[in-house]
Amino acid sequence: DTLTVLSDSMFADCEHLESVEIPQTVTEIGRYAFRGCASLTNIKLPKNLIKLGGDAFKKCSSLKAIEIPAGVQKISSGHFEGCPSLASITFPDGSEVFDTAEGVNSVIEKASSKLVRGCNGTVIPEFVTSIEGSAFCDSVLSNLTIPKSVSRMGYGSFRRCTILESIS
């Protein structure tokens, strides 16, 4: 009940870890905290979480869905790189930093209208103006529609999208 921080690399490479429920007292998760947890399919983040360290879920190849608490202020594309099973990224209503539109299924910064991270099933809204580098890296996308409002796509936006067939 007194745990407030999960340290850097705390559970990194725990190959057989399948499910995690982090105590509500935790406000910070360190860099690479769950990196390489290949069997991790389910994680429940605490609603009081504020800081999510870089690449926290990188190479969690079995992770299917994640709900990011409203208080989290920063998410990078690397947080979910190497997560080809990820099919749902959601935020509860009330996030001041990220767009929470239903059906978007991605991480979009409100202030910049930038898509930071997408996943399988992402729908890019008309207000998005740029796509961050590596935003769809390792996603299992077969097709995607990019709206005319997008004027910039970062380096490696679709790197290692092995089944990508069409982009319109």
N, C-alpha and C. Protein backbone atom coordinates (compact mmCIF):
# COMPACT_ATOMS: atom_id res chain seq x y z
N ASP A 1 0.80 -1.22 0.00
CA ASP A 1 0.00 0.00 0.00
C ASP A 1 0.84 1.27 0.00
N THR A 2 2.15 1.15 0.22
CA THR A 2 3.00 2.34 0.25
C THR A 2 3.84 2.49 -1.02
N LEU A 3 3.73 1.58 -1.93
CA LEU A 3 4.50 1.63 -3.18
C LEU A 3 4.02 2.79 -4.05
N THR A 4 4.94 3.67 -4.47
CA THR A 4 4.58 4.81 -5.31
C THR A 4 5.32 4.82 -6.65
N VAL A 5 6.44 4.11 -6.75
CA VAL A 5 7.25 4.11 -7.98
C VAL A 5 7.65 2.68 -8.34
N LEU A 6 7.47 2.34 -9.64
CA LEU A 6 8.05 1.11 -10.17
C LEU A 6 9.34 1.54 -10.86
N SER A 7 10.47 1.04 -10.44
CA SER A 7 11.78 1.47 -10.92
C SER A 7 12.03 1.10 -12.38
N ASP A 8 13.04 1.77 -12.97
CA ASP A 8 13.47 1.45 -14.32
C ASP A 8 13.75 -0.04 -14.43
N SER A 9 13.32 -0.65 -15.51
CA SER A 9 13.59 -2.06 -15.84
C SER A 9 13.13 -3.05 -14.77
N MET A 10 12.21 -2.65 -13.90
CA MET A 10 11.80 -3.48 -12.77
C MET A 10 11.37 -4.89 -13.18
N PHE A 11 10.57 -5.00 -14.23
CA PHE A 11 10.09 -6.31 -14.67
C PHE A 11 10.61 -6.65 -16.07
N ALA A 12 11.59 -5.92 -16.55
CA ALA A 12 12.10 -6.12 -17.91
C ALA A 12 12.48 -7.58 -18.15
N ASP A 13 12.07 -8.07 -19.30
CA ASP A 13 12.40 -9.43 -19.77
C ASP A 13 11.84 -10.54 -18.90
N CYS A 14 10.78 -10.27 -18.15
CA CYS A 14 10.08 -11.34 -17.41
C CYS A 14 9.20 -12.07 -18.42
N GLU A 15 9.77 -13.04 -19.08
CA GLU A 15 9.14 -13.71 -20.22
C GLU A 15 7.79 -14.35 -19.92
N HIS A 16 7.57 -14.80 -18.71
CA HIS A 16 6.35 -15.55 -18.40
C HIS A 16 5.29 -14.73 -17.67
N LEU A 17 5.56 -13.45 -17.45
CA LEU A 17 4.60 -12.56 -16.79
C LEU A 17 3.43 -12.32 -17.75
N GLU A 18 2.20 -12.70 -17.34
CA GLU A 18 1.05 -12.61 -18.22
C GLU A 18 0.10 -11.47 -17.89
N SER A 19 -0.03 -11.13 -16.61
CA SER A 19 -1.01 -10.14 -16.20
C SER A 19 -0.47 -9.35 -15.02
N VAL A 20 -0.76 -8.03 -15.02
CA VAL A 20 -0.29 -7.18 -13.93
C VAL A 20 -1.38 -6.19 -13.56
N GLU A 21 -1.62 -6.06 -12.26
CA GLU A 21 -2.48 -5.00 -11.75
C GLU A 21 -1.62 -4.18 -10.79
N ILE A 22 -1.34 -2.96 -11.20
CA ILE A 22 -0.46 -2.10 -10.42
C ILE A 22 -1.28 -1.39 -9.35
N PRO A 23 -0.79 -1.34 -8.11
CA PRO A 23 -1.54 -0.70 -7.02
C PRO A 23 -1.88 0.76 -7.33
N GLN A 24 -2.99 1.23 -6.83
CA GLN A 24 -3.46 2.59 -7.06
C GLN A 24 -2.53 3.64 -6.47
N THR A 25 -1.65 3.25 -5.56
CA THR A 25 -0.72 4.20 -4.95
C THR A 25 0.43 4.57 -5.88
N VAL A 26 0.65 3.82 -6.94
CA VAL A 26 1.77 4.07 -7.86
C VAL A 26 1.45 5.27 -8.75
N THR A 27 2.36 6.24 -8.76
CA THR A 27 2.20 7.44 -9.59
C THR A 27 3.25 7.51 -10.69
N GLU A 28 4.27 6.64 -10.63
CA GLU A 28 5.35 6.69 -11.62
C GLU A 28 5.81 5.28 -11.99
N ILE A 29 5.94 5.05 -13.29
CA ILE A 29 6.49 3.80 -13.80
C ILE A 29 7.76 4.17 -14.56
N GLY A 30 8.87 3.55 -14.20
CA GLY A 30 10.17 3.87 -14.79
C GLY A 30 10.36 3.40 -16.22
N ARG A 31 11.45 3.89 -16.81
CA ARG A 31 11.83 3.50 -18.17
C ARG A 31 12.02 1.99 -18.25
N TYR A 32 11.59 1.43 -19.36
CA TYR A 32 11.76 0.00 -19.66
C TYR A 32 11.16 -0.91 -18.59
N ALA A 33 10.25 -0.43 -17.79
CA ALA A 33 9.73 -1.20 -16.65
C ALA A 33 9.21 -2.59 -17.03
N PHE A 34 8.55 -2.71 -18.18
CA PHE A 34 8.01 -4.01 -18.62
C PHE A 34 8.58 -4.44 -19.97
N ARG A 35 9.63 -3.78 -20.43
CA ARG A 35 10.22 -4.08 -21.74
C ARG A 35 10.55 -5.57 -21.86
N GLY A 36 10.15 -6.16 -22.97
CA GLY A 36 10.49 -7.55 -23.24
C GLY A 36 9.65 -8.57 -22.51
N CYS A 37 8.56 -8.17 -21.89
CA CYS A 37 7.65 -9.13 -21.23
C CYS A 37 6.76 -9.72 -22.31
N ALA A 38 7.29 -10.70 -23.03
CA ALA A 38 6.65 -11.24 -24.23
C ALA A 38 5.30 -11.90 -23.98
N SER A 39 5.04 -12.37 -22.78
CA SER A 39 3.76 -13.05 -22.48
C SER A 39 2.72 -12.13 -21.87
N LEU A 40 3.10 -10.88 -21.61
CA LEU A 40 2.18 -9.94 -20.96
C LEU A 40 1.02 -9.60 -21.91
N THR A 41 -0.20 -10.00 -21.53
CA THR A 41 -1.37 -9.74 -22.36
C THR A 41 -2.28 -8.68 -21.75
N ASN A 42 -2.19 -8.51 -20.42
CA ASN A 42 -3.12 -7.63 -19.72
C ASN A 42 -2.38 -6.85 -18.64
N ILE A 43 -2.58 -5.52 -18.65
CA ILE A 43 -2.02 -4.70 -17.59
C ILE A 43 -3.03 -3.65 -17.20
N LYS A 44 -3.22 -3.48 -15.90
CA LYS A 44 -4.13 -2.47 -15.40
C LYS A 44 -3.31 -1.40 -14.70
N LEU A 45 -3.30 -0.20 -15.32
CA LEU A 45 -2.54 0.91 -14.76
C LEU A 45 -3.37 1.64 -13.71
N PRO A 46 -2.73 2.17 -12.68
CA PRO A 46 -3.47 2.89 -11.64
C PRO A 46 -3.99 4.23 -12.15
N LYS A 47 -5.17 4.62 -11.70
CA LYS A 47 -5.78 5.86 -12.17
C LYS A 47 -5.00 7.10 -11.73
N ASN A 48 -4.14 6.97 -10.72
CA ASN A 48 -3.33 8.09 -10.23
C ASN A 48 -1.98 8.21 -10.93
N LEU A 49 -1.72 7.39 -11.94
CA LEU A 49 -0.44 7.41 -12.64
C LEU A 49 -0.23 8.76 -13.34
N ILE A 50 0.96 9.33 -13.14
CA ILE A 50 1.31 10.62 -13.75
C ILE A 50 2.45 10.45 -14.75
N LYS A 51 3.48 9.67 -14.38
CA LYS A 51 4.65 9.52 -15.24
C LYS A 51 4.79 8.08 -15.72
N LEU A 52 4.90 7.95 -17.03
CA LEU A 52 5.11 6.66 -17.67
C LEU A 52 6.45 6.75 -18.39
N GLY A 53 7.46 6.09 -17.85
CA GLY A 53 8.81 6.17 -18.38
C GLY A 53 8.92 5.69 -19.82
N GLY A 54 9.92 6.19 -20.52
CA GLY A 54 10.13 5.86 -21.93
C GLY A 54 10.26 4.37 -22.17
N ASP A 55 9.68 3.93 -23.26
CA ASP A 55 9.76 2.54 -23.71
C ASP A 55 9.28 1.54 -22.65
N ALA A 56 8.37 1.96 -21.82
CA ALA A 56 7.90 1.13 -20.70
C ALA A 56 7.36 -0.22 -21.13
N PHE A 57 6.72 -0.29 -22.31
CA PHE A 57 6.12 -1.55 -22.76
C PHE A 57 6.72 -2.05 -24.07
N LYS A 58 7.89 -1.55 -24.41
CA LYS A 58 8.57 -1.95 -25.65
C LYS A 58 8.77 -3.46 -25.66
N LYS A 59 8.46 -4.08 -26.79
CA LYS A 59 8.63 -5.51 -27.01
C LYS A 59 7.75 -6.38 -26.12
N CYS A 60 6.60 -5.86 -25.71
CA CYS A 60 5.58 -6.68 -25.03
C CYS A 60 4.69 -7.22 -26.15
N SER A 61 5.19 -8.23 -26.82
CA SER A 61 4.59 -8.69 -28.08
C SER A 61 3.20 -9.28 -27.94
N SER A 62 2.76 -9.63 -26.76
CA SER A 62 1.42 -10.21 -26.57
C SER A 62 0.41 -9.22 -26.01
N LEU A 63 0.85 -7.99 -25.68
CA LEU A 63 -0.04 -6.99 -25.09
C LEU A 63 -1.13 -6.63 -26.09
N LYS A 64 -2.39 -6.79 -25.67
CA LYS A 64 -3.52 -6.60 -26.58
C LYS A 64 -4.21 -5.25 -26.42
N ALA A 65 -4.27 -4.74 -25.21
CA ALA A 65 -5.01 -3.49 -24.96
C ALA A 65 -4.41 -2.77 -23.76
N ILE A 66 -4.56 -1.45 -23.79
CA ILE A 66 -4.10 -0.67 -22.65
C ILE A 66 -4.97 0.57 -22.51
N GLU A 67 -5.35 0.87 -21.27
CA GLU A 67 -6.04 2.12 -20.96
C GLU A 67 -5.06 2.98 -20.17
N ILE A 68 -4.77 4.15 -20.73
CA ILE A 68 -3.80 5.05 -20.12
C ILE A 68 -4.54 6.08 -19.28
N PRO A 69 -4.20 6.19 -17.99
CA PRO A 69 -4.90 7.12 -17.10
C PRO A 69 -4.81 8.57 -17.57
N ALA A 70 -5.81 9.35 -17.24
CA ALA A 70 -5.93 10.74 -17.69
C ALA A 70 -4.78 11.62 -17.21
N GLY A 71 -4.14 11.30 -16.10
CA GLY A 71 -3.08 12.13 -15.55
C GLY A 71 -1.73 12.00 -16.23
N VAL A 72 -1.55 10.99 -17.09
CA VAL A 72 -0.27 10.80 -17.77
C VAL A 72 -0.06 11.96 -18.74
N GLN A 73 1.13 12.58 -18.65
CA GLN A 73 1.41 13.79 -19.42
C GLN A 73 2.19 13.56 -20.70
N LYS A 74 2.92 12.44 -20.81
CA LYS A 74 3.75 12.23 -22.00
C LYS A 74 3.77 10.76 -22.37
N ILE A 75 3.64 10.51 -23.68
CA ILE A 75 3.75 9.16 -24.24
C ILE A 75 4.51 9.30 -25.54
N SER A 76 5.47 8.43 -25.76
CA SER A 76 6.22 8.46 -27.02
C SER A 76 5.88 7.24 -27.84
N SER A 77 6.24 7.28 -29.12
CA SER A 77 5.96 6.14 -29.99
C SER A 77 6.69 4.90 -29.50
N GLY A 78 7.85 5.07 -28.85
CA GLY A 78 8.62 3.93 -28.37
C GLY A 78 8.00 3.15 -27.24
N HIS A 79 7.02 3.74 -26.56
CA HIS A 79 6.37 3.02 -25.45
C HIS A 79 5.80 1.69 -25.90
N PHE A 80 5.33 1.60 -27.15
CA PHE A 80 4.67 0.39 -27.61
C PHE A 80 5.32 -0.21 -28.85
N GLU A 81 6.58 0.14 -29.11
CA GLU A 81 7.30 -0.45 -30.24
C GLU A 81 7.53 -1.92 -29.94
N GLY A 82 7.35 -2.76 -30.95
CA GLY A 82 7.50 -4.20 -30.76
C GLY A 82 6.30 -4.83 -30.09
N CYS A 83 5.12 -4.19 -30.25
CA CYS A 83 3.87 -4.71 -29.67
C CYS A 83 2.87 -4.99 -30.80
N PRO A 84 3.12 -6.01 -31.63
CA PRO A 84 2.25 -6.26 -32.78
C PRO A 84 0.83 -6.70 -32.42
N SER A 85 0.60 -7.17 -31.21
CA SER A 85 -0.74 -7.62 -30.82
C SER A 85 -1.62 -6.48 -30.30
N LEU A 86 -1.02 -5.30 -30.09
CA LEU A 86 -1.76 -4.18 -29.51
C LEU A 86 -2.86 -3.73 -30.45
N ALA A 87 -4.10 -3.87 -30.00
CA ALA A 87 -5.26 -3.53 -30.83
C ALA A 87 -6.13 -2.45 -30.21
N SER A 88 -5.78 -1.98 -29.00
CA SER A 88 -6.61 -0.97 -28.36
C SER A 88 -5.77 -0.10 -27.43
N ILE A 89 -5.77 1.21 -27.73
CA ILE A 89 -5.16 2.20 -26.84
C ILE A 89 -6.28 3.19 -26.51
N THR A 90 -6.63 3.28 -25.24
CA THR A 90 -7.72 4.18 -24.86
C THR A 90 -7.31 5.04 -23.67
N PHE A 91 -8.03 6.15 -23.53
CA PHE A 91 -7.88 7.08 -22.41
C PHE A 91 -9.25 7.30 -21.83
N PRO A 92 -9.35 7.40 -20.51
CA PRO A 92 -10.64 7.77 -19.94
C PRO A 92 -10.91 9.24 -20.25
N ASP A 93 -12.14 9.63 -20.25
CA ASP A 93 -12.47 11.04 -20.42
C ASP A 93 -11.75 11.85 -19.35
N GLY A 94 -11.32 13.03 -19.72
CA GLY A 94 -10.67 13.90 -18.75
C GLY A 94 -9.20 14.12 -19.00
N SER A 95 -8.61 13.47 -19.99
CA SER A 95 -7.20 13.71 -20.29
C SER A 95 -7.06 15.11 -20.87
N GLU A 96 -6.19 15.90 -20.26
CA GLU A 96 -5.95 17.26 -20.75
C GLU A 96 -4.92 17.28 -21.87
N VAL A 97 -4.11 16.23 -21.99
CA VAL A 97 -3.01 16.21 -22.95
C VAL A 97 -3.35 15.43 -24.21
N PHE A 98 -4.10 14.34 -24.08
CA PHE A 98 -4.35 13.45 -25.21
C PHE A 98 -5.82 13.43 -25.60
N ASP A 99 -6.05 13.29 -26.90
CA ASP A 99 -7.42 13.23 -27.40
C ASP A 99 -8.03 11.90 -27.00
N THR A 100 -9.27 11.95 -26.59
CA THR A 100 -9.94 10.75 -26.11
C THR A 100 -11.16 10.39 -26.96
N ALA A 101 -11.21 10.86 -28.18
CA ALA A 101 -12.36 10.60 -29.04
C ALA A 101 -12.58 9.10 -29.20
N GLU A 102 -13.81 8.69 -29.10
CA GLU A 102 -14.14 7.28 -29.20
C GLU A 102 -13.84 6.76 -30.60
N GLY A 103 -13.27 5.58 -30.66
CA GLY A 103 -12.99 4.95 -31.94
C GLY A 103 -11.68 5.37 -32.57
N VAL A 104 -10.96 6.32 -31.98
CA VAL A 104 -9.69 6.79 -32.53
C VAL A 104 -8.62 5.70 -32.37
N ASN A 105 -8.57 5.07 -31.20
CA ASN A 105 -7.69 3.94 -30.95
C ASN A 105 -6.22 4.28 -31.18
N SER A 106 -5.78 5.44 -30.68
CA SER A 106 -4.40 5.86 -30.83
C SER A 106 -4.09 6.94 -29.80
N VAL A 107 -2.82 7.35 -29.79
CA VAL A 107 -2.37 8.42 -28.91
C VAL A 107 -2.21 9.67 -29.75
N ILE A 108 -3.03 10.68 -29.49
CA ILE A 108 -2.98 11.94 -30.24
C ILE A 108 -2.83 13.09 -29.24
N GLU A 109 -1.76 13.88 -29.41
CA GLU A 109 -1.57 15.05 -28.56
C GLU A 109 -2.55 16.13 -28.98
N LYS A 110 -3.35 16.62 -28.03
CA LYS A 110 -4.34 17.66 -28.33
C LYS A 110 -3.70 18.95 -28.83
N ALA A 111 -2.66 19.43 -28.14
CA ALA A 111 -2.08 20.74 -28.45
C ALA A 111 -1.45 20.80 -29.83
N SER A 112 -0.85 19.71 -30.29
CA SER A 112 -0.15 19.71 -31.58
C SER A 112 -0.91 19.01 -32.70
N SER A 113 -2.01 18.34 -32.37
CA SER A 113 -2.76 17.52 -33.34
C SER A 113 -1.87 16.47 -33.99
N LYS A 114 -0.92 15.95 -33.22
CA LYS A 114 0.04 14.98 -33.71
C LYS A 114 -0.33 13.59 -33.22
N LEU A 115 -0.35 12.62 -34.16
CA LEU A 115 -0.56 11.23 -33.79
C LEU A 115 0.79 10.68 -33.37
N VAL A 116 0.89 10.31 -32.09
CA VAL A 116 2.14 9.84 -31.51
C VAL A 116 2.27 8.33 -31.68
N ARG A 117 1.19 7.61 -31.44
CA ARG A 117 1.23 6.15 -31.54
C ARG A 117 -0.11 5.63 -32.00
N GLY A 118 -0.08 4.77 -32.99
CA GLY A 118 -1.27 4.08 -33.46
C GLY A 118 -1.10 2.60 -33.22
N CYS A 119 -2.15 1.86 -33.54
CA CYS A 119 -2.08 0.41 -33.40
C CYS A 119 -3.06 -0.21 -34.38
N ASN A 120 -3.23 -1.50 -34.30
CA ASN A 120 -4.17 -2.18 -35.17
C ASN A 120 -5.56 -1.58 -34.95
N GLY A 121 -6.24 -1.21 -36.01
CA GLY A 121 -7.58 -0.66 -35.87
C GLY A 121 -7.64 0.84 -35.67
N THR A 122 -6.52 1.54 -35.77
CA THR A 122 -6.52 2.99 -35.62
C THR A 122 -7.31 3.66 -36.75
N VAL A 123 -8.10 4.65 -36.39
CA VAL A 123 -8.77 5.52 -37.35
C VAL A 123 -8.20 6.91 -37.12
N ILE A 124 -7.59 7.49 -38.15
CA ILE A 124 -6.96 8.80 -37.99
C ILE A 124 -8.00 9.87 -38.25
N PRO A 125 -8.32 10.70 -37.24
CA PRO A 125 -9.32 11.74 -37.41
C PRO A 125 -8.85 12.86 -38.34
N GLU A 126 -9.79 13.61 -38.88
CA GLU A 126 -9.51 14.69 -39.83
C GLU A 126 -8.69 15.83 -39.23
N PHE A 127 -8.66 15.98 -37.92
CA PHE A 127 -7.92 17.09 -37.32
C PHE A 127 -6.42 16.81 -37.14
N VAL A 128 -5.99 15.58 -37.35
CA VAL A 128 -4.57 15.23 -37.18
C VAL A 128 -3.77 15.87 -38.31
N THR A 129 -2.66 16.56 -37.95
CA THR A 129 -1.84 17.24 -38.95
C THR A 129 -0.50 16.57 -39.18
N SER A 130 -0.05 15.71 -38.24
CA SER A 130 1.21 15.02 -38.46
C SER A 130 1.20 13.66 -37.76
N ILE A 131 2.06 12.79 -38.26
CA ILE A 131 2.22 11.45 -37.70
C ILE A 131 3.68 11.33 -37.26
N GLU A 132 3.88 11.03 -36.00
CA GLU A 132 5.20 10.94 -35.39
C GLU A 132 6.00 9.78 -35.99
N GLY A 133 7.33 9.91 -36.01
CA GLY A 133 8.19 8.82 -36.45
C GLY A 133 7.94 7.58 -35.61
N SER A 134 7.94 6.43 -36.25
CA SER A 134 7.71 5.13 -35.61
C SER A 134 6.31 4.98 -35.02
N ALA A 135 5.38 5.83 -35.41
CA ALA A 135 4.03 5.81 -34.83
C ALA A 135 3.32 4.47 -35.01
N PHE A 136 3.56 3.79 -36.11
CA PHE A 136 2.91 2.50 -36.35
C PHE A 136 3.92 1.36 -36.40
N CYS A 137 5.14 1.60 -35.95
CA CYS A 137 6.20 0.60 -36.00
C CYS A 137 5.74 -0.70 -35.36
N ASP A 138 5.90 -1.80 -36.07
CA ASP A 138 5.55 -3.15 -35.61
C ASP A 138 4.05 -3.40 -35.51
N SER A 139 3.22 -2.49 -36.00
CA SER A 139 1.77 -2.72 -35.97
C SER A 139 1.36 -3.74 -37.02
N VAL A 140 0.32 -4.47 -36.73
CA VAL A 140 -0.19 -5.44 -37.68
C VAL A 140 -1.37 -4.80 -38.40
N LEU A 141 -1.04 -3.81 -39.23
CA LEU A 141 -2.04 -3.11 -40.04
C LEU A 141 -2.09 -3.75 -41.41
N SER A 142 -3.27 -3.88 -41.98
CA SER A 142 -3.35 -4.32 -43.37
C SER A 142 -3.66 -3.14 -44.28
N ASN A 143 -4.40 -2.16 -43.75
CA ASN A 143 -4.68 -0.95 -44.53
C ASN A 143 -4.94 0.21 -43.59
N LEU A 144 -4.78 1.43 -44.12
CA LEU A 144 -4.95 2.63 -43.32
C LEU A 144 -5.33 3.77 -44.23
N THR A 145 -6.22 4.63 -43.76
CA THR A 145 -6.57 5.84 -44.49
C THR A 145 -5.99 7.03 -43.74
N ILE A 146 -5.20 7.83 -44.46
CA ILE A 146 -4.59 9.02 -43.88
C ILE A 146 -5.34 10.22 -44.43
N PRO A 147 -5.94 11.04 -43.56
CA PRO A 147 -6.72 12.20 -44.04
C PRO A 147 -5.83 13.26 -44.69
N LYS A 148 -6.43 14.08 -45.52
CA LYS A 148 -5.72 15.15 -46.23
C LYS A 148 -5.12 16.17 -45.28
N SER A 149 -5.60 16.24 -44.06
CA SER A 149 -5.08 17.20 -43.08
C SER A 149 -3.64 16.90 -42.66
N VAL A 150 -3.18 15.65 -42.87
CA VAL A 150 -1.81 15.26 -42.49
C VAL A 150 -0.82 15.82 -43.50
N SER A 151 0.10 16.66 -43.02
CA SER A 151 1.09 17.28 -43.90
C SER A 151 2.51 16.79 -43.62
N ARG A 152 2.69 16.00 -42.55
CA ARG A 152 4.02 15.53 -42.19
C ARG A 152 3.94 14.14 -41.59
N MET A 153 4.87 13.27 -42.03
CA MET A 153 5.01 11.95 -41.43
C MET A 153 6.47 11.76 -41.06
N GLY A 154 6.71 11.36 -39.83
CA GLY A 154 8.08 11.20 -39.33
C GLY A 154 8.77 9.96 -39.84
N TYR A 155 10.07 9.93 -39.62
CA TYR A 155 10.92 8.84 -40.05
C TYR A 155 10.44 7.50 -39.49
N GLY A 156 10.34 6.52 -40.33
CA GLY A 156 9.99 5.16 -39.91
C GLY A 156 8.58 5.00 -39.39
N SER A 157 7.67 5.86 -39.84
CA SER A 157 6.29 5.81 -39.34
C SER A 157 5.65 4.43 -39.49
N PHE A 158 6.01 3.70 -40.55
CA PHE A 158 5.40 2.39 -40.81
C PHE A 158 6.46 1.28 -40.85
N ARG A 159 7.55 1.48 -40.14
CA ARG A 159 8.63 0.49 -40.10
C ARG A 159 8.13 -0.84 -39.53
N ARG A 160 8.54 -1.90 -40.16
CA ARG A 160 8.21 -3.28 -39.77
C ARG A 160 6.72 -3.56 -39.69
N CYS A 161 5.93 -2.91 -40.53
CA CYS A 161 4.50 -3.25 -40.68
C CYS A 161 4.43 -4.35 -41.74
N THR A 162 4.63 -5.57 -41.33
CA THR A 162 4.88 -6.66 -42.25
C THR A 162 3.69 -7.09 -43.09
N ILE A 163 2.46 -6.78 -42.69
CA ILE A 163 1.32 -7.18 -43.50
C ILE A 163 0.59 -5.99 -44.13
N LEU A 164 1.18 -4.80 -44.07
CA LEU A 164 0.57 -3.61 -44.62
C LEU A 164 0.42 -3.77 -46.13
N GLU A 165 -0.83 -3.67 -46.60
CA GLU A 165 -1.13 -3.85 -48.02
C GLU A 165 -1.45 -2.53 -48.72
N SER A 166 -2.14 -1.63 -48.01
CA SER A 166 -2.52 -0.38 -48.69
C SER A 166 -2.66 0.78 -47.72
N ILE A 167 -2.27 1.97 -48.23
CA ILE A 167 -2.48 3.21 -47.53
C ILE A 167 -3.15 4.15 -48.52
N SER A 168 -4.23 4.76 -48.08
CA SER A 168 -4.88 5.74 -48.97
C SER A 168 -5.01 7.06 -48.24
